[in-house]
Protein backbone atom coordinates (compact mmCIF):
# COMPACT_ATOMS: atom_id res chain seq x y z
CA MET A 1 0.00 0.00 0.00
CA ALA A 2 2.78 2.37 0.96
CA THR A 3 4.50 1.65 -2.36
CA ALA A 4 1.34 2.56 -4.29
CA ILE A 5 0.97 5.88 -2.41
CA SER A 6 4.63 6.73 -3.01
CA ALA A 7 4.28 5.98 -6.72
CA ASN A 8 1.21 8.24 -6.93
CA LYS A 9 3.08 11.06 -5.20
CA ALA A 10 5.99 10.75 -7.59
CA GLU A 11 3.64 10.59 -10.55
CA LEU A 12 1.84 13.75 -9.39
CA LEU A 13 5.06 15.77 -9.35
CA ALA A 14 6.25 14.20 -12.62
CA ILE A 15 3.02 15.30 -14.34
CA ALA A 16 3.45 18.84 -12.98
CA ASP A 17 7.04 18.96 -14.27
CA ALA A 18 6.08 17.62 -17.70
CA VAL A 19 3.20 20.09 -18.18
CA ALA A 20 5.35 23.02 -17.00
CA ARG A 21 8.09 22.13 -19.52
CA GLU A 22 5.69 21.56 -22.40
CA LYS A 23 3.68 24.77 -21.90
CA LEU A 24 6.70 26.85 -20.81
CA ILE A 25 4.99 27.98 -17.62
CA ASP A 26 6.04 27.94 -13.97
CA ARG A 27 5.81 24.56 -12.19
CA GLU A 28 4.18 26.30 -9.22
CA ILE A 29 1.26 27.36 -11.45
CA VAL A 30 0.64 23.74 -12.50
CA ILE A 31 0.72 22.56 -8.87
CA GLU A 32 -1.69 25.38 -7.88
CA ALA A 33 -4.04 24.20 -10.65
CA MET A 34 -3.87 20.65 -9.25
CA GLU A 35 -4.60 21.91 -5.75
CA ASP A 36 -7.58 23.89 -7.03
CA ALA A 37 -8.91 20.78 -8.83
CA ILE A 38 -8.55 18.68 -5.67
CA GLN A 39 -10.33 21.37 -3.61
CA ARG A 40 -13.27 21.35 -6.02
CA ALA A 41 -13.46 17.55 -5.95
CA ALA A 42 -13.34 17.59 -2.13
CA LYS A 43 -16.16 20.17 -1.98
CA ALA A 44 -18.23 17.91 -4.20
CA ARG A 45 -17.51 15.03 -1.77
CA TYR A 46 -17.91 16.81 1.59
CA GLY A 47 -20.30 19.61 0.58
CA ALA A 48 -19.79 22.86 -1.35
CA GLU A 49 -20.66 24.91 1.74
CA ASN A 50 -17.40 23.89 3.43
CA GLU A 51 -14.27 26.04 3.22
CA ILE A 52 -11.83 23.36 2.05
CA ARG A 53 -8.13 23.73 1.30
CA ALA A 54 -5.69 21.35 -0.40
CA LYS A 55 -1.90 21.54 -0.38
CA ILE A 56 0.63 19.47 -2.33
CA ASP A 57 4.18 19.36 -0.95
CA THR A 58 6.39 20.43 -3.88
CA GLU A 59 9.28 18.28 -2.64
CA SER A 60 7.65 15.01 -1.53
CA GLY A 61 4.31 15.15 -3.32
CA ASP A 62 2.37 14.63 -0.04
CA LEU A 63 -1.23 15.81 -0.24
CA ARG A 64 -2.93 17.42 2.76
CA LEU A 65 -6.64 18.19 2.85
CA TRP A 66 -8.39 20.23 5.56
CA ARG A 67 -11.47 22.26 6.38
CA VAL A 68 -11.14 25.82 7.76
CA VAL A 69 -13.59 26.72 10.53
CA GLU A 70 -14.06 29.76 12.79
CA VAL A 71 -14.47 29.44 16.56
CA VAL A 72 -17.57 31.43 17.64
CA GLU A 73 -19.78 31.73 20.74
CA GLN A 74 -23.03 31.03 18.88
CA VAL A 75 -22.82 28.74 15.84
CA GLU A 76 -24.93 29.98 12.90
CA ASP A 77 -23.19 28.25 9.97
CA TYR A 78 -22.43 24.62 10.93
CA PHE A 79 -20.25 24.18 7.86
CA LYS A 80 -17.84 27.07 8.54
CA GLN A 81 -18.20 27.65 12.30
CA VAL A 82 -17.69 25.61 15.50
CA SER A 83 -18.33 26.29 19.16
CA LEU A 84 -15.48 26.87 21.58
CA ALA A 85 -15.88 23.36 23.02
CA GLU A 86 -15.71 21.73 19.56
CA GLY A 87 -12.80 23.97 18.64
CA LYS A 88 -10.76 22.86 21.66
CA LYS A 89 -11.14 19.26 20.48
CA LEU A 90 -9.40 20.22 17.24
CA GLN A 91 -6.89 22.62 18.77
CA ALA A 92 -6.30 22.77 22.51
CA ASP A 93 -5.50 26.49 22.65
CA ALA A 94 -8.45 27.56 20.46
CA ALA A 95 -10.11 30.84 21.39
CA ILE A 96 -13.14 32.78 20.20
CA GLY A 97 -12.40 34.38 16.82
CA ASP A 98 -9.64 31.93 15.84
CA PHE A 99 -9.63 30.16 12.49
CA ILE A 100 -8.54 26.54 12.94
CA VAL A 101 -8.08 23.59 10.58
CA ASP A 102 -10.03 20.37 10.67
CA PRO A 103 -7.99 17.67 8.84
CA LEU A 104 -9.92 15.62 6.27
CA PRO A 105 -9.07 12.18 4.84
CA ASN A 106 -7.89 12.09 1.24
CA ILE A 107 -10.65 11.41 -1.23
CA GLU A 108 -10.93 8.71 -3.86
CA PHE A 109 -11.45 10.21 -7.32
CA GLY A 110 -14.36 8.66 -9.19
CA ARG A 111 -14.72 8.94 -12.97
CA ILE A 112 -16.80 12.13 -12.89
CA ALA A 113 -14.65 13.80 -10.23
CA ALA A 114 -11.48 12.87 -12.14
CA GLN A 115 -12.90 14.30 -15.38
CA ALA A 116 -13.97 17.52 -13.64
CA SER A 117 -10.53 17.87 -12.03
CA LYS A 118 -8.88 17.31 -15.38
CA GLN A 119 -10.94 20.14 -16.93
CA VAL A 120 -10.04 22.48 -14.07
CA ILE A 121 -6.33 21.76 -14.48
CA PHE A 122 -6.50 22.17 -18.27
CA GLN A 123 -8.31 25.52 -17.92
CA LYS A 124 -5.85 26.83 -15.33
CA VAL A 125 -2.86 25.74 -17.42
CA ARG A 126 -4.42 27.25 -20.56
CA ASP A 127 -5.00 30.57 -18.76
CA ALA A 128 -1.41 30.55 -17.49
CA GLU A 129 -0.13 29.81 -20.99
CA ARG A 130 -2.13 32.71 -22.44
CA GLU A 131 -0.84 35.03 -19.74
CA ARG A 132 2.72 33.90 -20.47
CA GLN A 133 2.22 34.60 -24.18
CA PHE A 134 0.84 38.06 -23.44
CA GLU A 135 3.71 38.90 -21.08
CA GLU A 136 6.22 37.71 -23.69
CA PHE A 137 4.85 39.81 -26.55
CA LYS A 138 3.17 42.82 -24.88
CA ASP A 139 6.34 44.97 -24.97
CA ARG A 140 7.49 43.85 -28.42
CA ALA A 141 5.23 46.07 -30.54
CA GLY A 142 7.35 47.64 -33.28
CA GLU A 143 9.71 44.67 -33.62
CA ILE A 144 10.16 42.57 -36.75
CA ILE A 145 9.47 38.88 -36.18
CA THR A 146 9.83 35.84 -38.42
CA GLY A 147 7.22 33.10 -38.45
CA VAL A 148 5.76 30.32 -40.57
CA VAL A 149 2.43 30.65 -42.36
CA LYS A 150 0.08 28.25 -40.56
CA ARG A 151 -3.14 28.87 -42.48
CA VAL A 152 -5.04 31.46 -44.50
CA GLU A 153 -8.59 32.24 -43.34
CA PHE A 154 -10.89 34.61 -45.26
CA GLY A 155 -7.85 36.44 -46.63
CA HIS A 156 -6.22 36.82 -43.20
CA VAL A 157 -2.85 35.08 -42.74
CA VAL A 158 -2.27 33.21 -39.46
CA VAL A 159 1.44 32.98 -38.63
CA ASP A 160 3.04 30.51 -36.22
CA LEU A 161 5.50 32.52 -34.10
CA GLY A 162 6.77 29.52 -32.15
CA ARG A 163 5.24 30.14 -28.75
CA ALA A 164 2.18 31.96 -30.04
CA GLU A 165 0.20 32.79 -33.17
CA GLY A 166 -0.08 36.12 -34.94
CA VAL A 167 -2.42 37.31 -37.65
CA ILE A 168 -1.77 39.52 -40.66
CA ARG A 169 -5.13 41.03 -41.53
CA ARG A 170 -6.01 41.55 -45.15
CA ASP A 171 -5.50 45.34 -44.95
CA ALA A 172 -2.05 44.81 -43.37
CA GLN A 173 -0.76 42.66 -46.24
CA ILE A 174 1.12 43.77 -49.33
CA PRO A 175 -1.40 43.80 -52.21
CA ARG A 176 -1.03 40.99 -54.75
CA GLU A 177 1.49 39.16 -52.54
CA VAL A 178 1.00 35.39 -52.77
CA VAL A 179 1.38 33.62 -49.41
CA ARG A 180 1.30 29.84 -49.03
CA VAL A 181 1.08 27.58 -46.00
CA GLY A 182 4.58 26.69 -44.81
CA ASP A 183 6.24 29.89 -46.13
CA ARG A 184 8.59 31.70 -43.77
CA ILE A 185 7.49 35.32 -43.51
CA ARG A 186 8.78 38.46 -41.82
CA SER A 187 6.36 41.01 -40.42
CA LEU A 188 6.06 43.88 -37.94
CA ILE A 189 4.39 43.32 -34.57
CA LEU A 190 1.76 46.05 -34.80
CA LYS A 191 0.03 45.60 -31.44
CA VAL A 192 -0.74 42.97 -28.83
CA VAL A 193 -4.24 42.92 -27.33
CA ARG A 194 -5.26 40.93 -24.23
CA GLU A 195 -8.50 39.03 -24.90
CA THR A 196 -10.40 36.26 -23.08
CA ARG A 197 -9.48 33.64 -25.65
CA GLY A 198 -5.81 34.56 -25.45
CA PRO A 199 -3.58 37.43 -26.61
CA GLN A 200 -4.25 38.66 -30.14
CA ILE A 201 -0.97 39.51 -31.87
CA PHE A 202 -1.59 41.71 -34.89
CA LEU A 203 1.14 41.75 -37.53
CA SER A 204 1.68 43.96 -40.58
CA ARG A 205 3.73 44.00 -43.76
CA ALA A 206 2.10 47.17 -45.11
CA HIS A 207 2.91 49.59 -42.27
CA PRO A 208 5.61 52.25 -42.92
CA ASP A 209 7.40 51.12 -39.74
CA PHE A 210 7.94 47.69 -41.35
CA MET A 211 10.04 49.40 -44.02
CA LYS A 212 11.90 51.42 -41.37
CA LYS A 213 12.82 48.28 -39.44
CA LEU A 214 13.98 46.52 -42.61
CA PHE A 215 16.31 49.42 -43.36
CA ALA A 216 17.62 49.27 -39.77
CA GLN A 217 18.50 45.60 -40.38
CA GLU A 218 20.21 46.31 -43.70
CA VAL A 219 21.94 49.64 -42.91
CA PRO A 220 24.36 49.50 -39.93
CA GLU A 221 24.42 53.31 -39.71
CA ILE A 222 20.67 53.35 -38.97
CA TYR A 223 21.00 50.58 -36.38
CA ASP A 224 23.85 52.51 -34.71
CA GLY A 225 21.82 55.74 -34.69
CA ILE A 226 24.14 57.70 -37.00
CA ILE A 227 21.40 57.94 -39.64
CA THR A 228 17.77 58.48 -38.65
CA ILE A 229 14.65 57.84 -40.70
CA MET A 230 12.63 60.94 -39.85
CA ALA A 231 9.54 60.15 -41.94
CA ALA A 232 8.19 57.34 -44.08
CA ALA A 233 5.18 56.88 -46.36
CA ARG A 234 4.05 53.84 -48.33
CA ASP A 235 1.65 52.83 -51.05
CA PRO A 236 2.13 49.12 -50.22
CA GLY A 237 3.29 46.98 -53.11
CA SER A 238 3.80 49.98 -55.41
CA ARG A 239 5.95 52.84 -54.12
CA ALA A 240 7.36 54.33 -50.93
CA LYS A 241 9.30 57.39 -49.76
CA ILE A 242 11.56 57.82 -46.72
CA GLY A 243 13.21 60.96 -45.40
CA VAL A 244 16.64 60.40 -43.84
CA ILE A 245 19.16 62.59 -42.01
CA SER A 246 22.71 61.96 -40.77
CA LYS A 247 24.22 63.11 -37.47
CA ASP A 248 27.67 62.78 -39.04
CA SER A 249 28.24 65.36 -41.78
CA SER A 250 30.83 63.08 -43.41
CA ILE A 251 28.23 60.36 -44.06
CA ASP A 252 25.74 60.78 -46.89
CA PRO A 253 22.43 59.41 -45.53
CA VAL A 254 20.97 58.70 -48.96
CA GLY A 255 24.10 56.94 -50.23
CA ALA A 256 24.37 54.85 -47.06
CA CYS A 257 20.77 53.65 -47.42
CA VAL A 258 21.22 52.85 -51.12
CA GLY A 259 24.44 50.90 -50.52
CA MET A 260 27.11 49.74 -52.95
CA LYS A 261 25.44 49.31 -56.34
CA GLY A 262 22.08 49.55 -54.58
CA SER A 263 22.64 46.36 -52.56
CA ARG A 264 21.07 47.62 -49.33
CA VAL A 265 17.95 49.17 -50.79
CA GLN A 266 17.45 46.19 -53.12
CA ALA A 267 17.36 43.83 -50.14
CA VAL A 268 14.50 45.88 -48.70
CA VAL A 269 12.76 46.13 -52.09
CA GLN A 270 12.83 42.35 -52.50
CA GLU A 271 11.31 41.79 -49.04
CA MET A 272 8.57 44.30 -49.95
CA GLN A 273 7.73 42.51 -53.19
CA GLY A 274 9.39 44.96 -55.57
CA GLU A 275 8.02 48.15 -54.01
CA LYS A 276 9.97 51.12 -55.44
CA ILE A 277 11.56 53.26 -52.71
CA ASP A 278 12.53 56.94 -53.04
CA ILE A 279 15.18 57.89 -50.46
CA ILE A 280 15.30 61.64 -49.92
CA PRO A 281 17.27 63.90 -47.55
CA TRP A 282 15.13 65.17 -44.68
CA SER A 283 15.24 68.86 -43.78
CA PRO A 284 13.83 70.77 -40.78
CA ASP A 285 12.81 73.49 -43.24
CA THR A 286 9.34 72.50 -44.43
CA ALA A 287 9.66 74.14 -47.84
CA THR A 288 12.97 72.40 -48.57
CA PHE A 289 11.61 69.04 -47.43
CA VAL A 290 8.51 69.41 -49.62
CA VAL A 291 10.71 70.16 -52.63
CA ASN A 292 12.75 67.03 -51.89
CA ALA A 293 9.64 64.92 -51.24
CA LEU A 294 8.17 65.75 -54.65
CA GLN A 295 11.20 64.41 -56.52
CA PRO A 296 11.69 63.64 -59.35
CA ALA A 297 9.53 66.68 -60.24
CA ASN A 298 11.11 70.16 -60.27
CA VAL A 299 9.44 72.79 -58.07
CA SER A 300 9.36 76.53 -58.85
CA ARG A 301 8.23 77.78 -55.43
CA VAL A 302 6.45 76.74 -52.25
CA VAL A 303 3.83 78.75 -50.35
CA ILE A 304 3.05 77.53 -46.80
CA ASP A 305 -0.31 78.32 -45.21
CA GLU A 306 0.38 77.56 -41.54
CA GLU A 307 -3.13 78.55 -40.43
CA GLU A 308 -4.78 76.01 -42.74
CA ASP A 309 -1.86 73.56 -42.44
CA ARG A 310 -1.65 73.33 -46.22
CA ILE A 311 1.18 73.80 -48.70
CA GLU A 312 0.79 75.26 -52.16
CA VAL A 313 3.45 74.06 -54.60
CA VAL A 314 3.97 75.74 -57.95
CA VAL A 315 5.63 73.69 -60.72
CA PRO A 316 6.43 74.41 -64.38
CA ASP A 317 3.61 73.45 -66.75
CA ASP A 318 5.54 70.47 -68.15
CA GLN A 319 6.20 69.09 -64.62
CA LEU A 320 2.57 68.91 -63.45
CA SER A 321 1.89 65.25 -64.33
CA LEU A 322 5.28 64.19 -62.89
CA ALA A 323 4.64 66.06 -59.63
CA ILE A 324 1.18 64.54 -59.22
CA GLY A 325 2.27 61.06 -60.27
CA ARG A 326 0.22 58.16 -61.58
CA ARG A 327 -3.21 58.33 -59.96
CA GLY A 328 -1.88 61.04 -57.62
CA GLN A 329 0.64 58.71 -56.03
CA ASN A 330 3.65 61.04 -55.92
CA VAL A 331 1.90 63.99 -54.31
CA ARG A 332 -0.07 61.69 -51.97
CA LEU A 333 3.12 60.10 -50.63
CA ALA A 334 4.77 63.52 -50.33
CA SER A 335 1.75 64.72 -48.34
CA GLN A 336 1.98 61.72 -45.97
CA LEU A 337 5.72 62.24 -45.62
CA THR A 338 5.44 65.92 -44.67
CA GLY A 339 2.20 65.54 -42.69
CA LYS A 340 0.58 68.41 -44.58
CA ALA A 341 -1.95 68.67 -47.40
CA ILE A 342 -0.26 69.68 -50.66
CA ASP A 343 -1.90 71.52 -53.58
CA ILE A 344 -0.09 71.36 -56.92
CA LEU A 345 -0.45 74.34 -59.26
CA THR A 346 1.18 75.18 -62.58
CA GLU A 347 2.75 78.59 -63.15
CA ALA A 348 -0.28 79.59 -65.21
CA ASP A 349 -2.71 78.41 -62.49
CA ALA A 350 -0.77 80.24 -59.79
CA SER A 351 -0.69 83.46 -61.79
CA GLU A 352 -4.42 83.25 -62.47
CA LYS A 353 -5.13 82.57 -58.79
CA ARG A 354 -3.02 85.51 -57.64
CA GLN A 355 -4.76 87.82 -60.11
CA ARG A 356 -8.20 86.61 -59.02
CA GLU A 357 -7.39 87.07 -55.31
CA PHE A 358 -5.96 90.54 -56.03
CA VAL A 359 -9.15 91.63 -57.78
CA GLU A 360 -11.44 90.12 -55.09
CA ARG A 361 -9.57 91.80 -52.23
CA SER A 362 -9.39 95.12 -54.04
CA GLU A 363 -13.15 95.06 -54.64
CA LEU A 364 -13.74 94.15 -50.97
CA PHE A 365 -11.73 97.16 -49.75
CA GLN A 366 -13.37 99.47 -52.31
CA GLN A 367 -16.85 98.47 -51.20
CA GLU A 368 -16.39 98.16 -47.43
CA LEU A 369 -13.92 101.02 -46.86
CA ASP A 370 -15.47 103.33 -49.49
CA VAL A 371 -12.11 104.10 -51.13
CA ASP A 372 -11.06 104.38 -54.76
CA GLU A 373 -9.53 101.56 -56.81
CA THR A 374 -5.95 102.87 -56.56
CA LEU A 375 -5.96 103.04 -52.76
CA SER A 376 -7.56 99.58 -52.40
CA GLN A 377 -4.98 98.09 -54.76
CA LEU A 378 -2.18 99.67 -52.74
CA LEU A 379 -3.51 97.99 -49.58
CA VAL A 380 -3.64 94.59 -51.32
CA ALA A 381 -0.17 95.06 -52.81
CA GLU A 382 1.17 95.72 -49.28
CA GLY A 383 -0.17 92.34 -48.11
CA PHE A 384 -3.49 93.25 -46.48
CA THR A 385 -6.02 90.49 -47.13
CA SER A 386 -9.00 91.19 -44.84
CA LEU A 387 -10.87 93.90 -42.99
CA GLU A 388 -9.66 92.46 -39.67
CA GLU A 389 -6.05 93.06 -40.68
CA VAL A 390 -6.78 96.68 -41.57
CA ALA A 391 -8.76 97.27 -38.37
CA TYR A 392 -6.43 95.67 -35.84
CA VAL A 393 -2.83 96.17 -37.07
CA GLU A 394 -0.63 98.85 -35.59
CA PRO A 395 -1.42 102.22 -37.28
CA GLU A 396 2.26 102.55 -38.27
CA GLU A 397 1.91 99.58 -40.64
CA ILE A 398 -0.65 101.53 -42.69
CA SER A 399 0.82 105.00 -42.35
CA GLY A 400 4.20 103.56 -43.42
CA ILE A 401 2.84 102.80 -46.92
CA GLU A 402 4.16 105.28 -49.47
CA GLY A 403 1.63 108.07 -49.96
CA PHE A 404 -0.23 107.32 -46.71
CA ASP A 405 -0.13 109.37 -43.48
CA GLU A 406 -1.33 108.93 -39.89
CA GLU A 407 -4.64 110.69 -40.54
CA LEU A 408 -5.45 108.43 -43.50
CA ALA A 409 -4.39 105.33 -41.52
CA GLY A 410 -6.71 106.29 -38.64
CA GLU A 411 -9.61 106.93 -41.02
CA LEU A 412 -9.10 103.56 -42.78
CA GLN A 413 -9.02 101.72 -39.45
CA ASN A 414 -12.21 103.46 -38.29
CA ARG A 415 -13.97 102.53 -41.54
CA ALA A 416 -12.75 98.92 -41.24
CA SER A 417 -14.06 98.70 -37.66
CA GLU A 418 -17.44 100.12 -38.75
CA ALA A 419 -17.60 97.62 -41.62
CA LEU A 420 -16.90 94.76 -39.22
CA GLU A 421 -19.62 96.01 -36.88
CA ARG A 422 -22.10 96.14 -39.78
CA ARG A 423 -21.14 92.61 -40.75
CA GLU A 424 -21.52 91.45 -37.12
CA GLU A 425 -24.98 93.06 -36.85
CA SER A 426 -26.06 91.45 -40.12
CA ASN A 427 -24.90 88.06 -38.89
CA ARG A 428 -26.67 88.64 -35.55
CA GLU A 429 -29.99 89.21 -37.31
CA LEU A 430 -29.44 86.15 -39.49
CA ARG A 431 -28.50 84.08 -36.45
CA ARG A 432 -31.68 85.06 -34.61
CA SER A 433 -33.79 84.34 -37.68
CA LEU A 434 -32.28 80.83 -37.66
CA GLY A 435 -33.49 80.37 -34.06
CA VAL A 436 -30.05 80.28 -32.39
CA GLU A 437 -30.38 81.17 -28.68
CA ASP A 438 -28.75 84.34 -27.35
CA ALA A 439 -27.11 82.16 -24.68
CA LEU A 440 -24.76 80.78 -27.35
CA ALA A 441 -23.50 84.29 -28.04
CA GLU A 442 -22.08 84.35 -24.49
CA MET A 443 -19.82 81.37 -25.16
CA PRO A 444 -16.07 82.18 -25.38
CA HIS A 445 -14.34 82.49 -28.79
CA LEU A 446 -17.64 82.45 -30.76
CA ASN A 447 -18.60 85.38 -32.99
CA GLU A 448 -21.84 85.97 -34.85
CA ALA A 449 -20.54 84.44 -38.10
CA MET A 450 -19.70 81.23 -36.22
CA LEU A 451 -23.16 81.23 -34.61
CA VAL A 452 -24.77 81.48 -38.06
CA THR A 453 -22.73 78.46 -39.15
CA LEU A 454 -23.87 76.58 -36.04
CA GLY A 455 -27.48 77.52 -36.71
CA LYS A 456 -27.30 76.25 -40.30
CA ALA A 457 -25.95 72.96 -38.90
CA GLY A 458 -28.97 72.67 -36.57
CA ILE A 459 -27.08 73.61 -33.38
CA LYS A 460 -29.35 76.23 -31.80
CA THR A 461 -29.35 75.65 -28.03
CA LEU A 462 -26.78 75.24 -25.26
CA ASP A 463 -27.70 71.54 -25.01
CA ASP A 464 -27.12 71.10 -28.77
CA LEU A 465 -23.65 72.59 -28.40
CA ALA A 466 -22.89 70.75 -25.16
CA ASP A 467 -23.70 67.39 -26.80
CA LEU A 468 -20.83 67.84 -29.28
CA ALA A 469 -17.32 66.49 -28.80
CA THR A 470 -14.44 68.89 -29.43
CA ASP A 471 -13.53 67.09 -32.67
CA GLU A 472 -17.10 67.42 -33.94
CA LEU A 473 -16.85 71.17 -33.38
CA ILE A 474 -13.42 72.14 -34.72
CA GLN A 475 -11.72 69.17 -36.46
CA LYS A 476 -10.37 69.84 -39.93
CA ARG A 477 -10.72 67.13 -42.52
CA ARG A 478 -7.37 66.02 -43.91
CA ILE A 479 -8.13 65.40 -47.57
CA GLU A 480 -5.20 64.23 -49.64
CA PRO A 481 -4.76 66.25 -52.84
CA ARG A 482 -6.18 64.84 -56.05
CA ARG A 483 -7.91 62.06 -54.14
CA LYS A 484 -11.18 61.22 -55.85
CA VAL A 485 -12.49 58.60 -53.42
CA VAL A 486 -13.02 59.50 -49.76
CA PRO A 487 -12.92 56.40 -47.50
CA VAL A 488 -16.07 55.50 -45.57
CA ASN A 489 -14.25 55.91 -42.24
CA GLU A 490 -12.87 59.34 -43.17
CA PRO A 491 -13.52 61.53 -40.09
CA LYS A 492 -15.99 64.33 -40.80
CA ALA A 493 -14.83 67.92 -40.58
CA GLY A 494 -15.99 69.83 -37.50
CA VAL A 495 -18.89 72.26 -37.80
CA LEU A 496 -16.56 75.25 -37.25
CA ALA A 497 -13.54 73.76 -39.06
CA GLU A 498 -13.30 76.74 -41.44
CA TYR A 499 -12.61 79.15 -38.56
CA SER A 500 -9.30 77.52 -37.50
CA LEU A 501 -10.08 77.34 -33.79
CA SER A 502 -7.45 75.59 -31.66
CA GLU A 503 -8.17 72.44 -29.67
CA GLU A 504 -7.83 74.44 -26.45
CA GLN A 505 -10.41 76.97 -27.66
CA GLY A 506 -12.72 74.14 -28.72
CA ASN A 507 -12.49 72.56 -25.27
CA GLU A 508 -13.29 75.89 -23.59
CA ILE A 509 -16.40 76.34 -25.76
CA ILE A 510 -17.71 72.84 -25.04
CA MET A 511 -17.06 73.08 -21.29
CA ALA A 512 -18.74 76.51 -21.09
CA ALA A 513 -21.78 75.06 -22.89
CA ARG A 514 -21.93 72.17 -20.40
CA ALA A 515 -21.61 74.40 -17.32
CA HIS A 516 -25.41 74.68 -16.90
CA TRP A 517 -25.64 70.88 -16.63
CA PHE A 518 -23.51 70.91 -13.47
CA GLU A 519 -25.44 73.87 -12.06
CA GLU A 520 -28.71 71.94 -12.51
CA GLU A 521 -27.23 68.85 -10.83
CA ASP A 522 -26.10 70.95 -7.86
CA ALA A 523 -29.56 72.52 -7.59
CA VAL A 524 -31.23 69.08 -7.58
CA ALA A 525 -28.78 67.84 -4.94
CA ASP A 526 -29.46 70.88 -2.75
CA SER A 527 -33.24 70.47 -3.01
CA SER A 528 -33.05 66.75 -2.16
CA GLU A 529 -30.97 67.54 0.92
C-alpha cells in the first residue's frame, strides 16, 4: 500500500514537471491548478458549503486536505463555524475568533470527479499559458518577427511565431502578394491585445514602420543611430518614400541607405515585393523638405499656409503630371511624408489665382472702406487680405505705406471697424432668424458668423452645443490632394472647421456650454438635501 501511495506522489510531481516544460509555464502554477482541482473535488464530496483547502508538498508530493472553521460563541453556519468546546477538540489552545483547521481524509477520485478535475487543471494551465504569451509579446510592438504561415482564413494570414500565433489582416498585407502555408514570412508586430481567448498579436507587412525596421537591419548606420529615418510613407506593393538625415556630416544618408550598387535598398525592395523606394534627404525646413519629397519633379516655389496647415506648390507646366504622379501617387506620398496637405499648381494656375485674389480683395476694400480703386490696390499690394487686418494692425503699418499718413491710416481703421460692426450686426440678425439662442453668443471664442454656421448645422441651443465632442466642433478634414475617393471611415470635418479654432479653444467652448448641466445637478442635490 505504501508503495502505491509513493508511486502516486511521484507521478503527481512528474506530471506537474512535464506540463510546465511543455507549456513553458512555472511549475508552481501547475501545482496550484492541481490543488484547485482537488479542492473542487473535495467540496463535491464533503459539501460545497465547506471552506476546504488542499496543499501538495512540492518536494515530496504529499497531499494534505483540511477544512477551515471559525471558533464562535453562537454557531450559525455549521459548515464554517464551530463552538469553543468543539474547537478545543481540534486545537487545545483555540479561542473565540480563531480560524482553525479540521484535517480531512484524502478522497478517492471517481470517474466524474477525475474528469472535472482534469478540466479544471486544463483551464488553469491554458490561462497561465495565455498570460505567459501576453507577457512575452506585450512589450514587443514595433519589432520585426519571423514566423511560418500556418493557415489562410478569409484572406487573413495566421502565422506561427513559435510560442504563439499572430495574424496579418487583409488590410495589413502587401497587395497581390501570394502567401502559401509553410512559407517563412517576416512582419512587424503592430500591437498585442489581451483578450479572453488569449492574446491577439496583430502583424503587418504594409505599415511604414515595417520598411523602417527593414532598413535598420540592412543599414548599420541606422541601427547605430548615425542615420535616422525621420519620416516614411508607403503605397504598399507599389511605391514608398523615406526621409533620412545623418548626425555625421561626413556620411551621406541617402548613399548609405542605397548601398554599394544599390545592394542595401534592393534587399528591402525584395522583401517588400518589388516596391519602389525613393530615399530623400530630410530637412527641418518644411519648404525644402517638400521640394525634396516631390522628386523627381522640379518645383518653382512653395507657399506655406500655416493657419490652414496646407502647402501650395507651384511647378512648371511640363512638370505637373510628374509632380502629381500616376493616380496622384507622388503627391499623396509627399503629403503623408510631410504631414501636410499639398496643392499642386502650374505657373499659369498660380498666376491666375493671384490675379483673381488681387481683384477680389481690391473690390472688398473698395466696397467696405469706401475708397477708390488705386488706394484699395495699394492695400492689397502691401499684403493686407482682410478687414480684420486693416482694423487691428498697428497704425504705423498703414501710415508707413508710401503716400499714406497717420490721418489716412486712422480713417481707414475706423472705416474697417465700422464695416466689421455692420457685418456682425447682419450676422446677428441672421443668427436670430435661424433660431439660435442668445445664450450661445455668451460662449467664449464664438462670434456671430460662427453662430450662423452653427445655426445652419442645426445647433441652436446650449444643449445642442454641449452634446458635441471637441472634434465634432473644430476638427479639420485632412483630404489628400487629387484624391477622388473619400474612404467611408474618413472623419468628418468639424462644424466650425473653417474658422481655425485651436483644440484648447474648442475645449473651452464645449465646457462653457456644459456648465449649466452641473449647475442643474447641484440645484437638484441641494433640493433633495
